[in-house]
Amino acid sequence: MGSVAKYIEGLLQRGQHHFTTHEVANAVGGDINSIARALNRLKAKGELATPKRGFYVAVPPEYRSLGCLPAEQFVPQLMEGVEEPYHVALLSAAQFHGAAHQRPQLFQVMVGKPRSSINCGKVHVTFHVRKDLVRVSIVEMKTIRGYMRVSSPEATALELIGYARNAGGLNNVATVLSELAESIVGERLVEEAEKAPLAWVQRLGFVLELVEQRDAASKLLPLVQEHALRISPLNASLPRTGAVRSKRWRLAINTRVEPDL
């Protein structure tokens, strides 16, 4: 255990808080079973946590009550380790852009293929799949452990609409958009909208107008009126039969959106 503890102490002195079983075994040498026992003893003391099997994080005293590092301090390193593209998304991304109506209960990450959620102490990470992930515009944000990829404000707005069920529903999405709109640049919003499903653009324009963000909404209107040849439902999970139509946004208004403004 002494060798394992010294290895971890060396990492911490270099400002690194994560490692894999393979890395510690290569550095320490010896029997893998004894290494595993040493790691388990440190876990039992709360000094280590394992967000993913074989991937360890050292937990400083200030995070012991959390039982893990905060997600933004290990998710980028984890995704780099598995060599998969990702970006922090939805309500988590909105929070980093200053639209924190309430602190998200989950840390939300967009990936290109399904991944199991992570429960590490009180930290919960959920993964959501977007097939065209690499086309999404992102910004690099600095954390105390390095950098993380976060969807741009414009991409975040579109993904909130597209994944509304994972973002607390349209009422909550509308509330968040009313705050997020301050960070949105109209020209960039159009560029991002041109890469997104058209139904997302229709819904986003309608909701932005609803929360009185008309400047941002107006940037999307030409795209909708030129390309939207069919009526899309405002709520994709509800029938559109009998719903009032918005000719402006080519939408069936099949639900009532009530933001908390």
C-alpha atoms as a PDB file:
ATOM      1  CA  MET A   1       0.000   0.000   0.000  1.00  0.00           C
ATOM      2  CA  GLY A   2       2.900   2.313   0.708  1.00  0.00           C
ATOM      3  CA  SER A   3       4.022   2.262  -2.925  1.00  0.00           C
ATOM      4  CA  VAL A   4       0.477   2.946  -4.160  1.00  0.00           C
ATOM      5  CA  ALA A   5       0.049   5.784  -1.673  1.00  0.00           C
ATOM      6  CA  LYS A   6       3.395   7.275  -2.736  1.00  0.00           C
ATOM      7  CA  TYR A   7       2.389   7.052  -6.391  1.00  0.00           C
ATOM      8  CA  ILE A   8      -0.847   8.949  -5.673  1.00  0.00           C
ATOM      9  CA  GLU A   9       1.007  11.496  -3.536  1.00  0.00           C
ATOM     10  CA  GLY A  10       3.347  12.129  -6.462  1.00  0.00           C
ATOM     11  CA  LEU A  11       0.398  12.697  -8.791  1.00  0.00           C
ATOM     12  CA  LEU A  12      -1.135  15.202  -6.400  1.00  0.00           C
ATOM     13  CA  GLN A  13       2.130  17.085  -6.113  1.00  0.00           C
ATOM     14  CA  ARG A  14       2.042  17.471  -9.901  1.00  0.00           C
ATOM     15  CA  GLY A  15      -1.539  18.688  -9.781  1.00  0.00           C
ATOM     16  CA  GLN A  16      -3.036  15.498 -11.230  1.00  0.00           C
ATOM     17  CA  HIS A  17      -6.025  13.874  -9.550  1.00  0.00           C
ATOM     18  CA  HIS A  18      -6.867  10.943 -11.822  1.00  0.00           C
ATOM     19  CA  PHE A  19      -5.242   7.696 -12.918  1.00  0.00           C
ATOM     20  CA  THR A  20      -6.134   4.232 -14.195  1.00  0.00           C
ATOM     21  CA  THR A  21      -5.462   0.802 -12.728  1.00  0.00           C
ATOM     22  CA  HIS A  22      -3.091   0.132 -15.641  1.00  0.00           C
ATOM     23  CA  GLU A  23      -1.110   3.310 -14.935  1.00  0.00           C
ATOM     24  CA  VAL A  24      -0.638   2.621 -11.240  1.00  0.00           C
ATOM     25  CA  ALA A  25       0.299  -1.019 -11.917  1.00  0.00           C
ATOM     26  CA  ASN A  26       2.948   0.033 -14.444  1.00  0.00           C
ATOM     27  CA  ALA A  27       4.365   2.628 -12.058  1.00  0.00           C
ATOM     28  CA  VAL A  28       4.338   0.546  -8.875  1.00  0.00           C
ATOM     29  CA  GLY A  29       4.856  -2.959 -10.199  1.00  0.00           C
ATOM     30  CA  GLY A  30       4.189  -6.037  -8.119  1.00  0.00           C
ATOM     31  CA  ASP A  31       1.100  -8.165  -7.771  1.00  0.00           C
ATOM     32  CA  ILE A  32      -2.063  -6.682  -9.303  1.00  0.00           C
ATOM     33  CA  ASN A  33      -4.198  -8.198  -6.535  1.00  0.00           C
ATOM     34  CA  SER A  34      -2.191  -6.469  -3.815  1.00  0.00           C
ATOM     35  CA  ILE A  35      -2.450  -3.197  -5.738  1.00  0.00           C
ATOM     36  CA  ALA A  36      -6.214  -3.655  -5.979  1.00  0.00           C
ATOM     37  CA  ARG A  37      -6.430  -4.254  -2.235  1.00  0.00           C
ATOM     38  CA  ALA A  38      -4.405  -1.110  -1.539  1.00  0.00           C
ATOM     39  CA  LEU A  39      -6.670   0.933  -3.803  1.00  0.00           C
ATOM     40  CA  ASN A  40      -9.758  -0.488  -2.104  1.00  0.00           C
ATOM     41  CA  ARG A  41      -8.406   0.476   1.321  1.00  0.00           C
ATOM     42  CA  LEU A  42      -7.894   4.044   0.145  1.00  0.00           C
ATOM     43  CA  LYS A  43     -11.417   4.036  -1.287  1.00  0.00           C
ATOM     44  CA  ALA A  44     -12.805   2.850   2.036  1.00  0.00           C
ATOM     45  CA  LYS A  45     -11.096   5.813   3.726  1.00  0.00           C
ATOM     46  CA  GLY A  46     -12.704   8.199   1.225  1.00  0.00           C
ATOM     47  CA  GLU A  47      -9.372   9.184  -0.317  1.00  0.00           C
ATOM     48  CA  LEU A  48     -10.195   7.641  -3.714  1.00  0.00           C
ATOM     49  CA  ALA A  49     -13.338   7.258  -5.818  1.00  0.00           C
ATOM     50  CA  THR A  50     -14.038   5.335  -9.014  1.00  0.00           C
ATOM     51  CA  PRO A  51     -16.401   7.107 -11.423  1.00  0.00           C
ATOM     52  CA  LYS A  52     -15.771   4.269 -13.891  1.00  0.00           C
ATOM     53  CA  ARG A  53     -14.286   0.848 -13.387  1.00  0.00           C
ATOM     54  CA  GLY A  54     -10.523   1.090 -13.636  1.00  0.00           C
ATOM     55  CA  PHE A  55     -10.561   4.912 -13.528  1.00  0.00           C
ATOM     56  CA  TYR A  56      -9.728   6.487 -10.172  1.00  0.00           C
ATOM     57  CA  VAL A  57      -9.861  10.030  -8.836  1.00  0.00           C
ATOM     58  CA  ALA A  58      -8.087  11.254  -5.713  1.00  0.00           C
ATOM     59  CA  VAL A  59     -10.566  13.067  -3.476  1.00  0.00           C
ATOM     60  CA  PRO A  60      -9.113  16.023  -1.547  1.00  0.00           C
ATOM     61  CA  PRO A  61     -10.466  16.690   1.961  1.00  0.00           C
ATOM     62  CA  GLU A  62     -12.719  19.524   0.761  1.00  0.00           C
ATOM     63  CA  TYR A  63     -14.653  17.075  -1.429  1.00  0.00           C
ATOM     64  CA  ARG A  64     -14.837  14.115   0.956  1.00  0.00           C
ATOM     65  CA  SER A  65     -18.476  14.914   1.869  1.00  0.00           C
ATOM     66  CA  LEU A  66     -19.263  14.753  -1.857  1.00  0.00           C
ATOM     67  CA  GLY A  67     -17.623  11.340  -2.122  1.00  0.00           C
ATOM     68  CA  CYS A  68     -16.004  12.240  -5.451  1.00  0.00           C
ATOM     69  CA  LEU A  69     -14.524  15.115  -7.380  1.00  0.00           C
ATOM     70  CA  PRO A  70     -17.096  17.451  -8.977  1.00  0.00           C
ATOM     71  CA  ALA A  71     -17.975  16.158 -12.441  1.00  0.00           C
ATOM     72  CA  GLU A  72     -16.271  18.989 -14.325  1.00  0.00           C
ATOM     73  CA  GLN A  73     -13.007  17.983 -12.656  1.00  0.00           C
ATOM     74  CA  PHE A  74     -12.940  14.424 -14.011  1.00  0.00           C
ATOM     75  CA  VAL A  75     -15.326  14.042 -16.968  1.00  0.00           C
ATOM     76  CA  PRO A  76     -12.941  15.711 -19.477  1.00  0.00           C
ATOM     77  CA  GLN A  77     -10.088  13.427 -18.383  1.00  0.00           C
ATOM     78  CA  LEU A  78     -12.337  10.363 -18.487  1.00  0.00           C
ATOM     79  CA  MET A  79     -13.548  11.129 -22.020  1.00  0.00           C
ATOM     80  CA  GLU A  80     -10.014  11.870 -23.161  1.00  0.00           C
ATOM     81  CA  GLY A  81      -8.944   8.521 -21.751  1.00  0.00           C
ATOM     82  CA  VAL A  82     -11.568   6.595 -23.744  1.00  0.00           C
ATOM     83  CA  GLU A  83     -10.804   8.763 -26.810  1.00  0.00           C
ATOM     84  CA  GLU A  84     -14.412   9.752 -27.443  1.00  0.00           C
ATOM     85  CA  PRO A  85     -15.679  13.194 -28.470  1.00  0.00           C
ATOM     86  CA  TYR A  86     -18.032  14.866 -26.011  1.00  0.00           C
ATOM     87  CA  HIS A  87     -19.312  18.193 -24.797  1.00  0.00           C
ATOM     88  CA  VAL A  88     -20.990  19.352 -21.617  1.00  0.00           C
ATOM     89  CA  ALA A  89     -24.588  19.968 -22.644  1.00  0.00           C
ATOM     90  CA  LEU A  90     -28.158  20.976 -21.829  1.00  0.00           C
ATOM     91  CA  LEU A  91     -28.777  22.374 -18.328  1.00  0.00           C
ATOM     92  CA  SER A  92     -25.138  21.889 -17.315  1.00  0.00           C
ATOM     93  CA  ALA A  93     -23.924  23.876 -20.321  1.00  0.00           C
ATOM     94  CA  ALA A  94     -26.539  26.562 -19.686  1.00  0.00           C
ATOM     95  CA  GLN A  95     -25.267  26.884 -16.134  1.00  0.00           C
ATOM     96  CA  PHE A  96     -21.700  27.472 -17.341  1.00  0.00           C
ATOM     97  CA  HIS A  97     -23.040  30.169 -19.680  1.00  0.00           C
ATOM     98  CA  GLY A  98     -24.689  31.943 -16.749  1.00  0.00           C
ATOM     99  CA  ALA A  99     -28.234  30.660 -17.204  1.00  0.00           C
ATOM    100  CA  ALA A 100     -28.596  28.912 -13.855  1.00  0.00           C
ATOM    101  CA  HIS A 101     -32.255  29.259 -12.929  1.00  0.00           C
ATOM    102  CA  GLN A 102     -31.588  26.436 -10.498  1.00  0.00           C
ATOM    103  CA  ARG A 103     -28.545  24.227 -10.105  1.00  0.00           C
ATOM    104  CA  PRO A 104     -28.947  21.053 -12.209  1.00  0.00           C
ATOM    105  CA  GLN A 105     -29.211  17.843 -10.210  1.00  0.00           C
ATOM    106  CA  LEU A 106     -27.291  15.978 -12.914  1.00  0.00           C
ATOM    107  CA  PHE A 107     -24.176  16.773 -14.895  1.00  0.00           C
ATOM    108  CA  GLN A 108     -25.248  16.330 -18.520  1.00  0.00           C
ATOM    109  CA  VAL A 109     -22.828  15.309 -21.264  1.00  0.00           C
ATOM    110  CA  MET A 110     -23.485  14.839 -24.982  1.00  0.00           C
ATOM    111  CA  VAL A 111     -21.683  11.940 -26.686  1.00  0.00           C
ATOM    112  CA  GLY A 112     -21.748  10.194 -30.035  1.00  0.00           C
ATOM    113  CA  LYS A 113     -22.850   6.763 -28.843  1.00  0.00           C
ATOM    114  CA  PRO A 114     -24.647   5.379 -25.760  1.00  0.00           C
ATOM    115  CA  ARG A 115     -22.756   5.316 -22.473  1.00  0.00           C
ATOM    116  CA  SER A 116     -23.896   4.241 -19.024  1.00  0.00           C
ATOM    117  CA  SER A 117     -24.564   6.973 -16.492  1.00  0.00           C
ATOM    118  CA  ILE A 118     -22.069   7.569 -13.675  1.00  0.00           C
ATOM    119  CA  ASN A 119     -22.869   7.629  -9.978  1.00  0.00           C
ATOM    120  CA  CYS A 120     -19.839   8.588  -7.915  1.00  0.00           C
ATOM    121  CA  GLY A 121     -20.717   9.503  -4.346  1.00  0.00           C
ATOM    122  CA  LYS A 122     -23.202  12.358  -4.649  1.00  0.00           C
ATOM    123  CA  VAL A 123     -22.080  13.166  -8.199  1.00  0.00           C
ATOM    124  CA  HIS A 124     -24.365  11.965 -11.000  1.00  0.00           C
ATOM    125  CA  VAL A 125     -23.445  12.189 -14.691  1.00  0.00           C
ATOM    126  CA  THR A 126     -25.856  11.361 -17.508  1.00  0.00           C
ATOM    127  CA  PHE A 127     -24.904  10.883 -21.149  1.00  0.00           C
ATOM    128  CA  HIS A 128     -27.114  11.832 -24.087  1.00  0.00           C
ATOM    129  CA  VAL A 129     -26.518  10.763 -27.668  1.00  0.00           C
ATOM    130  CA  ARG A 130     -26.282  13.039 -30.693  1.00  0.00           C
ATOM    131  CA  LYS A 131     -25.172  11.369 -33.899  1.00  0.00           C
ATOM    132  CA  ASP A 132     -23.772  14.547 -35.494  1.00  0.00           C
ATOM    133  CA  LEU A 133     -21.857  15.471 -32.356  1.00  0.00           C
ATOM    134  CA  VAL A 134     -18.697  16.592 -34.139  1.00  0.00           C
ATOM    135  CA  ARG A 135     -20.612  19.310 -36.021  1.00  0.00           C
ATOM    136  CA  VAL A 136     -21.732  21.071 -32.855  1.00  0.00           C
ATOM    137  CA  SER A 137     -19.910  24.297 -31.998  1.00  0.00           C
ATOM    138  CA  ILE A 138     -18.201  24.216 -28.618  1.00  0.00           C
ATOM    139  CA  VAL A 139     -16.175  26.491 -26.360  1.00  0.00           C
ATOM    140  CA  GLU A 140     -13.233  25.413 -24.231  1.00  0.00           C
ATOM    141  CA  MET A 141     -13.734  26.392 -20.592  1.00  0.00           C
ATOM    142  CA  LYS A 142     -10.982  26.284 -17.984  1.00  0.00           C
ATOM    143  CA  THR A 143     -11.421  24.339 -14.769  1.00  0.00           C
ATOM    144  CA  ILE A 144      -8.946  23.904 -11.915  1.00  0.00           C
ATOM    145  CA  ARG A 145      -8.009  20.513 -13.468  1.00  0.00           C
ATOM    146  CA  GLY A 146      -7.651  21.648 -17.095  1.00  0.00           C
ATOM    147  CA  TYR A 147     -10.132  22.383 -19.863  1.00  0.00           C
ATOM    148  CA  MET A 148     -13.559  21.018 -20.708  1.00  0.00           C
ATOM    149  CA  ARG A 149     -15.641  21.174 -23.884  1.00  0.00           C
ATOM    150  CA  VAL A 150     -18.977  22.955 -23.480  1.00  0.00           C
ATOM    151  CA  SER A 151     -21.591  23.496 -26.180  1.00  0.00           C
ATOM    152  CA  SER A 152     -21.678  27.132 -27.304  1.00  0.00           C
ATOM    153  CA  PRO A 153     -24.618  29.251 -26.097  1.00  0.00           C
ATOM    154  CA  GLU A 154     -26.218  28.905 -29.526  1.00  0.00           C
ATOM    155  CA  ALA A 155     -25.772  25.126 -29.665  1.00  0.00           C
ATOM    156  CA  THR A 156     -26.989  24.865 -26.077  1.00  0.00           C
ATOM    157  CA  ALA A 157     -30.208  26.700 -26.950  1.00  0.00           C
ATOM    158  CA  LEU A 158     -30.958  24.324 -29.816  1.00  0.00           C
ATOM    159  CA  GLU A 159     -30.099  21.197 -27.830  1.00  0.00           C
ATOM    160  CA  LEU A 160     -32.288  22.335 -24.922  1.00  0.00           C
ATOM    161  CA  ILE A 161     -35.204  22.460 -27.344  1.00  0.00           C
ATOM    162  CA  GLY A 162     -34.262  19.208 -29.053  1.00  0.00           C
ATOM    163  CA  TYR A 163     -33.789  17.337 -25.761  1.00  0.00           C
ATOM    164  CA  ALA A 164     -36.471  19.158 -23.772  1.00  0.00           C
ATOM    165  CA  ARG A 165     -37.569  15.967 -22.008  1.00  0.00           C
ATOM    166  CA  ASN A 166     -34.062  15.689 -20.551  1.00  0.00           C
ATOM    167  CA  ALA A 167     -34.041  19.340 -19.528  1.00  0.00           C
ATOM    168  CA  GLY A 168     -37.091  19.488 -17.289  1.00  0.00           C
ATOM    169  CA  GLY A 169     -39.676  19.947 -20.051  1.00  0.00           C
ATOM    170  CA  LEU A 170     -40.551  22.922 -22.238  1.00  0.00           C
ATOM    171  CA  ASN A 171     -41.586  25.126 -19.314  1.00  0.00           C
ATOM    172  CA  ASN A 172     -38.149  24.812 -17.751  1.00  0.00           C
ATOM    173  CA  VAL A 173     -36.410  25.129 -21.126  1.00  0.00           C
ATOM    174  CA  ALA A 174     -38.274  28.385 -21.798  1.00  0.00           C
ATOM    175  CA  THR A 175     -37.190  29.726 -18.404  1.00  0.00           C
ATOM    176  CA  VAL A 176     -33.548  28.853 -19.056  1.00  0.00           C
ATOM    177  CA  LEU A 177     -33.668  30.312 -22.580  1.00  0.00           C
ATOM    178  CA  SER A 178     -34.883  33.634 -21.213  1.00  0.00           C
ATOM    179  CA  GLU A 179     -31.549  33.879 -19.356  1.00  0.00           C
ATOM    180  CA  LEU A 180     -29.340  32.149 -21.925  1.00  0.00           C
ATOM    181  CA  ALA A 181     -30.451  34.541 -24.684  1.00  0.00           C
ATOM    182  CA  GLU A 182     -28.165  37.231 -23.260  1.00  0.00           C
ATOM    183  CA  SER A 183     -25.168  35.136 -24.345  1.00  0.00           C
ATOM    184  CA  ILE A 184     -26.486  34.273 -27.816  1.00  0.00           C
ATOM    185  CA  VAL A 185     -25.033  35.963 -30.900  1.00  0.00           C
ATOM    186  CA  GLY A 186     -27.611  36.118 -33.704  1.00  0.00           C
ATOM    187  CA  GLU A 187     -25.283  35.264 -36.590  1.00  0.00           C
ATOM    188  CA  ARG A 188     -23.831  32.304 -34.723  1.00  0.00           C
ATOM    189  CA  LEU A 189     -27.330  31.123 -33.866  1.00  0.00           C
ATOM    190  CA  VAL A 190     -28.203  30.998 -37.569  1.00  0.00           C
ATOM    191  CA  GLU A 191     -25.001  29.087 -38.351  1.00  0.00           C
ATOM    192  CA  GLU A 192     -25.813  26.549 -35.651  1.00  0.00           C
ATOM    193  CA  ALA A 193     -29.468  26.314 -36.691  1.00  0.00           C
ATOM    194  CA  GLU A 194     -28.430  25.410 -40.227  1.00  0.00           C
ATOM    195  CA  LYS A 195     -26.779  22.260 -38.816  1.00  0.00           C
ATOM    196  CA  ALA A 196     -29.684  21.264 -36.538  1.00  0.00           C
ATOM    197  CA  PRO A 197     -32.987  19.501 -37.290  1.00  0.00           C
ATOM    198  CA  LEU A 198     -35.419  22.054 -38.718  1.00  0.00           C
ATOM    199  CA  ALA A 199     -38.097  21.177 -36.153  1.00  0.00           C
ATOM    200  CA  TRP A 200     -35.707  22.296 -33.403  1.00  0.00           C
ATOM    201  CA  VAL A 201     -35.318  25.646 -35.151  1.00  0.00           C
ATOM    202  CA  GLN A 202     -39.091  26.067 -35.463  1.00  0.00           C
ATOM    203  CA  ARG A 203     -39.624  25.339 -31.775  1.00  0.00           C
ATOM    204  CA  LEU A 204     -36.730  27.497 -30.648  1.00  0.00           C
ATOM    205  CA  GLY A 205     -37.953  30.504 -32.599  1.00  0.00           C
ATOM    206  CA  PHE A 206     -41.432  30.161 -31.107  1.00  0.00           C
ATOM    207  CA  VAL A 207     -40.146  29.806 -27.537  1.00  0.00           C
ATOM    208  CA  LEU A 208     -37.683  32.698 -27.880  1.00  0.00           C
ATOM    209  CA  GLU A 209     -40.549  34.942 -28.963  1.00  0.00           C
ATOM    210  CA  LEU A 210     -42.641  33.645 -26.072  1.00  0.00           C
ATOM    211  CA  VAL A 211     -39.996  34.756 -23.556  1.00  0.00           C
ATOM    212  CA  GLU A 212     -39.656  38.107 -25.351  1.00  0.00           C
ATOM    213  CA  GLN A 213     -36.276  37.407 -26.923  1.00  0.00           C
ATOM    214  CA  ARG A 214     -37.463  38.683 -30.280  1.00  0.00           C
ATOM    215  CA  ASP A 215     -34.084  39.719 -31.662  1.00  0.00           C
ATOM    216  CA  ALA A 216     -32.732  36.187 -31.419  1.00  0.00           C
ATOM    217  CA  ALA A 217     -36.003  34.721 -32.717  1.00  0.00           C
ATOM    218  CA  SER A 218     -36.028  37.043 -35.724  1.00  0.00           C
ATOM    219  CA  LYS A 219     -32.686  35.632 -36.885  1.00  0.00           C
ATOM    220  CA  LEU A 220     -34.282  32.184 -37.225  1.00  0.00           C
ATOM    221  CA  LEU A 221     -37.463  33.232 -39.006  1.00  0.00           C
ATOM    222  CA  PRO A 222     -36.073  33.401 -42.589  1.00  0.00           C
ATOM    223  CA  LEU A 223     -34.634  29.897 -42.233  1.00  0.00           C
ATOM    224  CA  VAL A 224     -37.984  28.522 -41.055  1.00  0.00           C
ATOM    225  CA  GLN A 225     -40.105  30.305 -43.634  1.00  0.00           C
ATOM    226  CA  GLU A 226     -37.835  29.240 -46.473  1.00  0.00           C
ATOM    227  CA  HIS A 227     -37.291  25.606 -45.545  1.00  0.00           C
ATOM    228  CA  ALA A 228     -40.107  24.418 -43.246  1.00  0.00           C
ATOM    229  CA  LEU A 229     -42.495  22.681 -45.629  1.00  0.00           C
ATOM    230  CA  ARG A 230     -44.409  20.785 -42.950  1.00  0.00           C
ATOM    231  CA  ILE A 231     -46.066  21.580 -39.663  1.00  0.00           C
ATOM    232  CA  SER A 232     -44.075  20.296 -36.680  1.00  0.00           C
ATOM    233  CA  PRO A 233     -45.546  19.757 -33.201  1.00  0.00           C
ATOM    234  CA  LEU A 234     -44.341  22.114 -30.483  1.00  0.00           C
ATOM    235  CA  ASN A 235     -44.162  19.122 -28.130  1.00  0.00           C
ATOM    236  CA  ALA A 236     -42.769  16.202 -30.107  1.00  0.00           C
ATOM    237  CA  SER A 237     -44.242  13.615 -27.716  1.00  0.00           C
ATOM    238  CA  LEU A 238     -47.853  14.848 -28.005  1.00  0.00           C
ATOM    239  CA  PRO A 239     -50.298  14.523 -30.932  1.00  0.00           C
ATOM    240  CA  ARG A 240     -50.844  17.604 -33.080  1.00  0.00           C
ATOM    241  CA  THR A 241     -54.480  16.803 -33.914  1.00  0.00           C
ATOM    242  CA  GLY A 242     -56.734  19.759 -33.190  1.00  0.00           C
ATOM    243  CA  ALA A 243     -53.890  22.009 -32.106  1.00  0.00           C
ATOM    244  CA  VAL A 244     -53.812  25.683 -33.035  1.00  0.00           C
ATOM    245  CA  ARG A 245     -51.314  26.416 -35.821  1.00  0.00           C
ATOM    246  CA  SER A 246     -48.614  29.045 -35.837  1.00  0.00           C
ATOM    247  CA  LYS A 247     -48.221  30.022 -39.482  1.00  0.00           C
ATOM    248  CA  ARG A 248     -45.220  32.127 -38.546  1.00  0.00           C
ATOM    249  CA  TRP A 249     -43.230  29.192 -37.159  1.00  0.00           C
ATOM    250  CA  ARG A 250     -45.017  26.343 -38.998  1.00  0.00           C
ATOM    251  CA  LEU A 251     -45.916  24.752 -35.671  1.00  0.00           C
ATOM    252  CA  ALA A 252     -48.853  22.908 -34.151  1.00  0.00           C
ATOM    253  CA  ILE A 253     -49.154  24.471 -30.685  1.00  0.00           C
ATOM    254  CA  ASN A 254     -50.136  21.243 -28.948  1.00  0.00           C
ATOM    255  CA  THR A 255     -49.073  22.262 -25.450  1.00  0.00           C
ATOM    256  CA  ARG A 256     -49.065  25.321 -23.225  1.00  0.00           C
ATOM    257  CA  VAL A 257     -45.620  26.678 -22.390  1.00  0.00           C
ATOM    258  CA  GLU A 258     -45.454  28.570 -19.107  1.00  0.00           C
ATOM    259  CA  PRO A 259     -41.955  29.782 -18.219  1.00  0.00           C
ATOM    260  CA  ASP A 260     -41.132  30.804 -14.671  1.00  0.00           C
ATOM    261  CA  LEU A 261     -40.128  34.414 -15.367  1.00  0.00           C
END
